[in-house]
N, C-alpha and C. Protein backbone atom coordinates (compact mmCIF):
# COMPACT_ATOMS: atom_id res chain seq x y z
N UNK A 1 126.84 91.83 212.66
CA UNK A 1 127.68 92.89 212.16
C UNK A 1 127.32 94.18 212.88
N UNK A 2 128.33 94.94 213.31
CA UNK A 2 128.11 96.20 214.00
C UNK A 2 128.12 97.32 212.96
N UNK A 3 127.06 98.10 212.97
CA UNK A 3 126.95 99.23 212.04
C UNK A 3 127.64 100.44 212.66
N UNK A 4 128.39 101.20 211.86
CA UNK A 4 129.02 102.40 212.42
C UNK A 4 127.96 103.43 212.81
N UNK A 5 128.19 104.12 213.90
CA UNK A 5 127.25 105.15 214.33
C UNK A 5 127.78 106.51 213.93
N UNK A 6 126.86 107.42 213.68
CA UNK A 6 127.25 108.76 213.29
C UNK A 6 127.70 109.50 214.55
N UNK A 7 128.81 110.20 214.44
CA UNK A 7 129.36 110.94 215.56
C UNK A 7 128.44 112.10 215.92
N UNK A 8 127.99 112.15 217.20
CA UNK A 8 127.06 113.18 217.64
C UNK A 8 127.78 114.26 218.44
N UNK A 9 128.79 113.87 219.19
CA UNK A 9 129.58 114.83 219.96
C UNK A 9 131.05 114.55 219.75
N UNK A 10 131.84 115.50 220.16
CA UNK A 10 133.29 115.41 220.08
C UNK A 10 133.86 116.12 221.29
N UNK A 11 135.08 115.83 221.64
CA UNK A 11 135.73 116.50 222.75
C UNK A 11 136.74 117.50 222.19
N UNK A 12 136.69 118.73 222.72
CA UNK A 12 137.63 119.76 222.27
C UNK A 12 139.05 119.32 222.64
N UNK A 13 139.98 119.34 221.67
CA UNK A 13 141.33 118.83 221.93
C UNK A 13 142.12 119.63 222.96
N UNK A 14 141.78 120.89 223.18
CA UNK A 14 142.52 121.71 224.14
C UNK A 14 141.80 121.90 225.46
N UNK A 15 140.48 122.14 225.40
CA UNK A 15 139.74 122.47 226.62
C UNK A 15 139.04 121.27 227.24
N UNK A 16 138.82 120.21 226.45
CA UNK A 16 138.10 119.05 226.95
C UNK A 16 136.60 119.22 226.95
N UNK A 17 136.12 120.37 226.47
CA UNK A 17 134.67 120.63 226.43
C UNK A 17 134.00 119.71 225.42
N UNK A 18 132.74 119.39 225.69
CA UNK A 18 131.95 118.59 224.75
C UNK A 18 131.49 119.50 223.62
N UNK A 19 131.70 119.05 222.39
CA UNK A 19 131.33 119.82 221.21
C UNK A 19 130.22 119.11 220.45
N UNK A 20 129.34 119.89 219.85
CA UNK A 20 128.28 119.36 218.99
C UNK A 20 128.41 120.01 217.63
N UNK A 21 127.94 119.33 216.61
CA UNK A 21 127.99 119.85 215.25
C UNK A 21 126.98 120.98 215.12
N UNK A 22 127.39 122.07 214.51
CA UNK A 22 126.48 123.19 214.34
C UNK A 22 127.04 124.21 213.36
N UNK A 23 126.35 125.33 213.27
CA UNK A 23 126.74 126.43 212.39
C UNK A 23 126.71 127.72 213.21
N UNK A 24 127.72 128.53 213.03
CA UNK A 24 127.79 129.82 213.72
C UNK A 24 128.07 130.92 212.71
N UNK A 25 127.57 132.11 212.98
CA UNK A 25 127.87 133.29 212.16
C UNK A 25 129.29 133.75 212.52
N UNK A 26 130.08 133.97 211.48
CA UNK A 26 131.46 134.42 211.68
C UNK A 26 131.70 135.60 210.74
N UNK A 27 132.33 136.64 211.26
CA UNK A 27 132.68 137.79 210.44
C UNK A 27 134.14 137.65 210.05
N UNK A 28 134.39 137.64 208.73
CA UNK A 28 135.75 137.58 208.21
C UNK A 28 136.14 138.96 207.71
N UNK A 29 137.37 139.35 207.97
CA UNK A 29 137.88 140.62 207.51
C UNK A 29 139.11 140.38 206.65
N UNK A 30 139.17 141.10 205.53
CA UNK A 30 140.33 140.98 204.64
C UNK A 30 140.59 142.32 204.00
N UNK A 31 141.69 142.94 204.36
CA UNK A 31 142.14 144.20 203.76
C UNK A 31 141.02 145.23 203.61
N UNK A 32 140.38 145.51 204.72
CA UNK A 32 139.35 146.54 204.72
C UNK A 32 137.96 146.07 204.32
N UNK A 33 137.84 144.83 203.91
CA UNK A 33 136.53 144.29 203.56
C UNK A 33 136.05 143.38 204.68
N UNK A 34 134.75 143.17 204.72
CA UNK A 34 134.16 142.33 205.76
C UNK A 34 133.05 141.50 205.14
N UNK A 35 132.96 140.26 205.55
CA UNK A 35 131.89 139.39 205.06
C UNK A 35 131.47 138.46 206.20
N UNK A 36 130.17 138.33 206.40
CA UNK A 36 129.63 137.43 207.41
C UNK A 36 129.23 136.13 206.73
N UNK A 37 129.70 135.02 207.29
CA UNK A 37 129.39 133.70 206.73
C UNK A 37 128.80 132.81 207.81
N UNK A 38 128.12 131.77 207.38
CA UNK A 38 127.66 130.70 208.27
C UNK A 38 128.71 129.62 208.21
N UNK A 39 129.44 129.42 209.31
CA UNK A 39 130.56 128.48 209.34
C UNK A 39 130.19 127.21 210.11
N UNK A 40 130.11 126.08 209.40
CA UNK A 40 129.86 124.82 210.10
C UNK A 40 131.09 124.39 210.88
N UNK A 41 130.85 123.62 211.92
CA UNK A 41 131.96 123.12 212.72
C UNK A 41 131.45 122.42 213.96
N UNK A 42 132.37 122.13 214.83
CA UNK A 42 132.07 121.52 216.13
C UNK A 42 132.23 122.60 217.19
N UNK A 43 131.15 122.88 217.94
CA UNK A 43 131.15 123.98 218.90
C UNK A 43 130.62 123.53 220.25
N UNK A 44 131.11 124.18 221.34
CA UNK A 44 130.45 123.98 222.63
C UNK A 44 129.03 124.53 222.49
N UNK A 45 128.06 123.87 223.07
CA UNK A 45 126.66 124.28 222.90
C UNK A 45 126.42 125.74 223.31
N UNK A 46 127.11 126.20 224.33
CA UNK A 46 126.87 127.56 224.83
C UNK A 46 127.77 128.61 224.15
N UNK A 47 128.57 128.22 223.18
CA UNK A 47 129.46 129.15 222.48
C UNK A 47 128.77 129.62 221.21
N UNK A 48 128.17 130.78 221.25
CA UNK A 48 127.47 131.31 220.08
C UNK A 48 128.39 132.16 219.21
N UNK A 49 129.63 132.35 219.63
CA UNK A 49 130.56 133.23 218.92
C UNK A 49 131.49 132.49 217.97
N UNK A 50 131.55 131.19 218.06
CA UNK A 50 132.45 130.36 217.25
C UNK A 50 133.90 130.51 217.68
N UNK A 51 134.14 131.16 218.82
CA UNK A 51 135.51 131.36 219.29
C UNK A 51 136.20 130.06 219.69
N UNK A 52 135.44 129.05 220.07
CA UNK A 52 136.04 127.81 220.56
C UNK A 52 135.67 126.61 219.71
N UNK A 53 135.41 126.86 218.43
CA UNK A 53 135.02 125.79 217.52
C UNK A 53 136.21 125.03 216.98
N UNK A 54 135.91 123.85 216.47
CA UNK A 54 136.90 123.01 215.79
C UNK A 54 136.36 122.75 214.39
N UNK A 55 137.20 122.97 213.39
CA UNK A 55 136.75 122.88 212.00
C UNK A 55 137.64 121.93 211.21
N UNK A 56 137.01 121.18 210.30
CA UNK A 56 137.80 120.32 209.42
C UNK A 56 138.02 121.05 208.10
N UNK A 57 138.73 120.42 207.19
CA UNK A 57 139.08 121.05 205.91
C UNK A 57 137.83 121.44 205.11
N UNK A 58 136.81 120.60 205.14
CA UNK A 58 135.58 120.91 204.39
C UNK A 58 134.88 122.13 204.98
N UNK A 59 134.87 122.25 206.30
CA UNK A 59 134.29 123.43 206.94
C UNK A 59 135.04 124.69 206.50
N UNK A 60 136.36 124.59 206.46
CA UNK A 60 137.19 125.75 206.16
C UNK A 60 137.09 126.19 204.70
N UNK A 61 136.59 125.32 203.82
CA UNK A 61 136.39 125.72 202.43
C UNK A 61 135.44 126.91 202.35
N UNK A 62 134.48 126.97 203.25
CA UNK A 62 133.51 128.05 203.24
C UNK A 62 134.20 129.38 203.55
N UNK A 63 135.07 129.39 204.55
CA UNK A 63 135.77 130.64 204.85
C UNK A 63 136.81 130.96 203.78
N UNK A 64 137.47 129.94 203.25
CA UNK A 64 138.46 130.16 202.19
C UNK A 64 137.81 130.80 200.97
N UNK A 65 136.62 130.34 200.62
CA UNK A 65 135.93 130.87 199.45
C UNK A 65 135.42 132.29 199.69
N UNK A 66 135.03 132.58 200.91
CA UNK A 66 134.61 133.95 201.24
C UNK A 66 135.81 134.90 201.13
N UNK A 67 136.95 134.46 201.61
CA UNK A 67 138.16 135.28 201.49
C UNK A 67 138.54 135.46 200.02
N UNK A 68 138.37 134.41 199.21
CA UNK A 68 138.64 134.53 197.78
C UNK A 68 137.70 135.53 197.10
N UNK A 69 136.44 135.60 197.55
CA UNK A 69 135.51 136.60 197.00
C UNK A 69 136.04 138.01 197.29
N UNK A 70 136.50 138.20 198.52
CA UNK A 70 137.04 139.52 198.88
C UNK A 70 138.32 139.81 198.10
N UNK A 71 139.17 138.81 197.93
CA UNK A 71 140.40 138.98 197.15
C UNK A 71 140.07 139.34 195.69
N UNK A 72 139.07 138.67 195.12
CA UNK A 72 138.67 138.94 193.74
C UNK A 72 138.17 140.38 193.61
N UNK A 73 137.35 140.81 194.54
CA UNK A 73 136.84 142.18 194.48
C UNK A 73 137.99 143.19 194.56
N UNK A 74 138.94 142.93 195.45
CA UNK A 74 140.09 143.84 195.56
C UNK A 74 140.92 143.86 194.29
N UNK A 75 141.05 142.71 193.63
CA UNK A 75 141.83 142.61 192.39
C UNK A 75 141.05 143.14 191.19
N UNK A 76 139.76 143.41 191.38
CA UNK A 76 138.94 143.92 190.29
C UNK A 76 138.56 142.86 189.27
N UNK A 77 138.52 141.60 189.70
CA UNK A 77 138.12 140.51 188.80
C UNK A 77 136.78 139.93 189.23
N UNK A 78 136.17 139.20 188.32
CA UNK A 78 134.86 138.62 188.59
C UNK A 78 134.92 137.64 189.77
N UNK A 79 133.86 137.63 190.57
CA UNK A 79 133.71 136.62 191.61
C UNK A 79 133.10 135.37 190.98
N UNK A 80 133.09 134.28 191.70
CA UNK A 80 132.67 132.98 191.18
C UNK A 80 131.34 133.01 190.43
N UNK A 81 130.35 133.65 191.01
CA UNK A 81 129.02 133.68 190.40
C UNK A 81 129.03 134.42 189.06
N UNK A 82 129.82 135.48 188.97
CA UNK A 82 129.93 136.25 187.73
C UNK A 82 130.65 135.44 186.65
N UNK A 83 131.66 134.68 187.05
CA UNK A 83 132.38 133.82 186.10
C UNK A 83 131.41 132.80 185.50
N UNK A 84 130.63 132.17 186.37
CA UNK A 84 129.65 131.16 185.92
C UNK A 84 128.64 131.78 184.94
N UNK A 85 128.12 132.94 185.30
CA UNK A 85 127.14 133.62 184.46
C UNK A 85 127.73 133.97 183.08
N UNK A 86 128.95 134.48 183.05
CA UNK A 86 129.59 134.85 181.79
C UNK A 86 129.86 133.62 180.92
N UNK A 87 130.32 132.54 181.54
CA UNK A 87 130.59 131.31 180.78
C UNK A 87 129.30 130.77 180.17
N UNK A 88 128.24 130.76 180.95
CA UNK A 88 126.95 130.27 180.45
C UNK A 88 126.42 131.15 179.32
N UNK A 89 126.64 132.44 179.45
CA UNK A 89 126.22 133.38 178.40
C UNK A 89 126.92 133.03 177.08
N UNK A 90 128.15 132.53 177.17
CA UNK A 90 128.91 132.16 175.98
C UNK A 90 128.53 130.77 175.46
N UNK A 91 127.73 130.04 176.23
CA UNK A 91 127.30 128.71 175.81
C UNK A 91 128.42 127.68 175.85
N UNK A 92 129.35 127.87 176.76
CA UNK A 92 130.49 126.96 176.87
C UNK A 92 130.37 126.08 178.11
N UNK A 93 130.86 124.85 178.00
CA UNK A 93 130.98 124.01 179.19
C UNK A 93 132.18 124.54 179.98
N UNK A 94 132.31 124.11 181.22
CA UNK A 94 133.46 124.52 182.01
C UNK A 94 134.75 124.08 181.33
N UNK A 95 134.77 122.87 180.83
CA UNK A 95 135.96 122.34 180.16
C UNK A 95 136.32 123.17 178.92
N UNK A 96 135.32 123.46 178.07
CA UNK A 96 135.57 124.27 176.87
C UNK A 96 136.11 125.65 177.24
N UNK A 97 135.51 126.27 178.24
CA UNK A 97 135.95 127.60 178.66
C UNK A 97 137.39 127.57 179.15
N UNK A 98 137.74 126.55 179.90
CA UNK A 98 139.11 126.43 180.40
C UNK A 98 140.12 126.24 179.30
N UNK A 99 139.74 125.50 178.27
CA UNK A 99 140.65 125.26 177.16
C UNK A 99 140.75 126.48 176.24
N UNK A 100 139.64 127.19 176.02
CA UNK A 100 139.64 128.33 175.11
C UNK A 100 140.15 129.62 175.76
N UNK A 101 139.74 129.87 177.00
CA UNK A 101 140.04 131.15 177.65
C UNK A 101 141.27 131.04 178.56
N UNK A 102 141.46 129.87 179.14
CA UNK A 102 142.61 129.68 180.01
C UNK A 102 142.23 129.02 181.32
N UNK A 103 143.20 128.39 181.91
CA UNK A 103 142.98 127.73 183.19
C UNK A 103 142.98 126.22 183.09
N UNK A 104 142.95 125.70 181.87
CA UNK A 104 142.97 124.25 181.69
C UNK A 104 141.60 123.63 181.83
N UNK A 105 141.51 122.32 181.64
CA UNK A 105 140.22 121.64 181.61
C UNK A 105 139.42 121.73 182.91
N UNK A 106 140.07 121.93 184.04
CA UNK A 106 139.37 122.02 185.33
C UNK A 106 139.37 123.44 185.90
N UNK A 107 139.95 124.38 185.15
CA UNK A 107 140.08 125.75 185.64
C UNK A 107 138.76 126.40 185.99
N UNK A 108 137.79 126.31 185.10
CA UNK A 108 136.52 127.00 185.34
C UNK A 108 135.73 126.35 186.46
N UNK A 109 135.92 125.07 186.68
CA UNK A 109 135.28 124.42 187.83
C UNK A 109 135.79 125.09 189.11
N UNK A 110 137.08 125.35 189.16
CA UNK A 110 137.68 125.98 190.35
C UNK A 110 137.31 127.45 190.46
N UNK A 111 137.24 128.16 189.33
CA UNK A 111 136.85 129.57 189.37
C UNK A 111 135.40 129.70 189.84
N UNK A 112 134.54 128.84 189.32
CA UNK A 112 133.11 128.94 189.63
C UNK A 112 132.75 128.45 191.02
N UNK A 113 133.60 127.63 191.61
CA UNK A 113 133.35 127.19 192.98
C UNK A 113 133.93 128.18 193.98
N UNK A 114 134.77 129.11 193.50
CA UNK A 114 135.42 130.06 194.39
C UNK A 114 136.69 129.53 195.00
N UNK A 115 137.10 128.34 194.58
CA UNK A 115 138.33 127.74 195.10
C UNK A 115 139.55 128.55 194.66
N UNK A 116 139.50 129.08 193.44
CA UNK A 116 140.59 129.87 192.86
C UNK A 116 139.99 131.12 192.25
N UNK A 117 140.69 132.25 192.35
CA UNK A 117 140.17 133.45 191.69
C UNK A 117 140.73 133.54 190.28
N UNK A 118 139.96 134.14 189.41
CA UNK A 118 140.31 134.30 188.01
C UNK A 118 141.46 135.29 187.89
N UNK A 119 142.39 135.00 186.98
CA UNK A 119 143.50 135.93 186.75
C UNK A 119 142.97 137.19 186.07
N UNK A 120 143.73 138.25 186.11
CA UNK A 120 143.31 139.50 185.46
C UNK A 120 143.16 139.29 183.96
N UNK A 121 144.07 138.54 183.33
CA UNK A 121 143.98 138.32 181.89
C UNK A 121 142.77 137.45 181.55
N UNK A 122 142.49 136.45 182.37
CA UNK A 122 141.31 135.62 182.16
C UNK A 122 140.03 136.43 182.34
N UNK A 123 140.05 137.31 183.33
CA UNK A 123 138.90 138.18 183.58
C UNK A 123 138.66 139.10 182.39
N UNK A 124 139.72 139.69 181.87
CA UNK A 124 139.60 140.59 180.72
C UNK A 124 139.04 139.85 179.51
N UNK A 125 139.58 138.67 179.21
CA UNK A 125 139.10 137.90 178.07
C UNK A 125 137.63 137.52 178.25
N UNK A 126 137.28 137.08 179.42
CA UNK A 126 135.89 136.67 179.67
C UNK A 126 134.93 137.85 179.57
N UNK A 127 135.33 139.00 180.08
CA UNK A 127 134.48 140.20 179.98
C UNK A 127 134.29 140.62 178.52
N UNK A 128 135.39 140.64 177.76
CA UNK A 128 135.30 141.04 176.36
C UNK A 128 134.41 140.09 175.57
N UNK A 129 134.62 138.79 175.78
CA UNK A 129 133.80 137.79 175.07
C UNK A 129 132.34 137.85 175.51
N UNK A 130 132.13 138.10 176.78
CA UNK A 130 130.77 138.18 177.30
C UNK A 130 130.01 139.35 176.67
N UNK A 131 130.73 140.43 176.37
CA UNK A 131 130.12 141.59 175.72
C UNK A 131 129.88 141.37 174.24
N UNK A 132 130.67 140.48 173.63
CA UNK A 132 130.53 140.16 172.20
C UNK A 132 130.66 138.65 172.02
N UNK A 133 129.64 137.88 172.43
CA UNK A 133 129.72 136.41 172.38
C UNK A 133 130.05 135.84 171.00
N UNK A 134 129.73 136.56 169.94
CA UNK A 134 130.01 136.04 168.59
C UNK A 134 131.51 135.88 168.35
N UNK A 135 132.33 136.55 169.11
CA UNK A 135 133.79 136.48 168.91
C UNK A 135 134.39 135.19 169.45
N UNK A 136 133.63 134.39 170.18
CA UNK A 136 134.15 133.12 170.69
C UNK A 136 134.59 132.23 169.55
N UNK A 137 133.95 132.36 168.39
CA UNK A 137 134.31 131.54 167.23
C UNK A 137 135.75 131.80 166.80
N UNK A 138 136.26 133.00 167.04
CA UNK A 138 137.66 133.31 166.71
C UNK A 138 138.61 132.44 167.51
N UNK A 139 138.26 132.15 168.76
CA UNK A 139 139.12 131.31 169.60
C UNK A 139 139.00 129.84 169.21
N UNK A 140 137.83 129.44 168.78
CA UNK A 140 137.61 128.03 168.44
C UNK A 140 138.37 127.64 167.19
N UNK A 141 138.75 128.60 166.35
CA UNK A 141 139.43 128.29 165.10
C UNK A 141 140.93 128.59 165.15
N UNK A 142 141.47 128.87 166.32
CA UNK A 142 142.90 129.15 166.39
C UNK A 142 143.67 127.93 166.78
């Protein structure tokens, strides 16, 4: 039986250059904000700028989530880490928070991963409850 081998190099689809798996620093800009991220991908060994990299969907999740952080800040809503901290302060599972506060059973998983930003109304409810955790019981009985 032939065992599959792990791909070590790849050929750039446009330039034909040999690519290796690596991580490069990339600066993302969004509406006046800037964030530097470590972006995994396939890069020519001598390309330290990431200008000629090839990225798959999983690689791009990192840049998508960084852009969502910037979008959240511009919208004045909590970023993923703040959502997680507030939910934990309330003693709720992600599923419970999604059902009580909004977003559905998988909503908080997406908010906390940075895949989706919290709505303004969800942000307001979470902030108010986080400041007065005892009020969560009011939602549980409605």
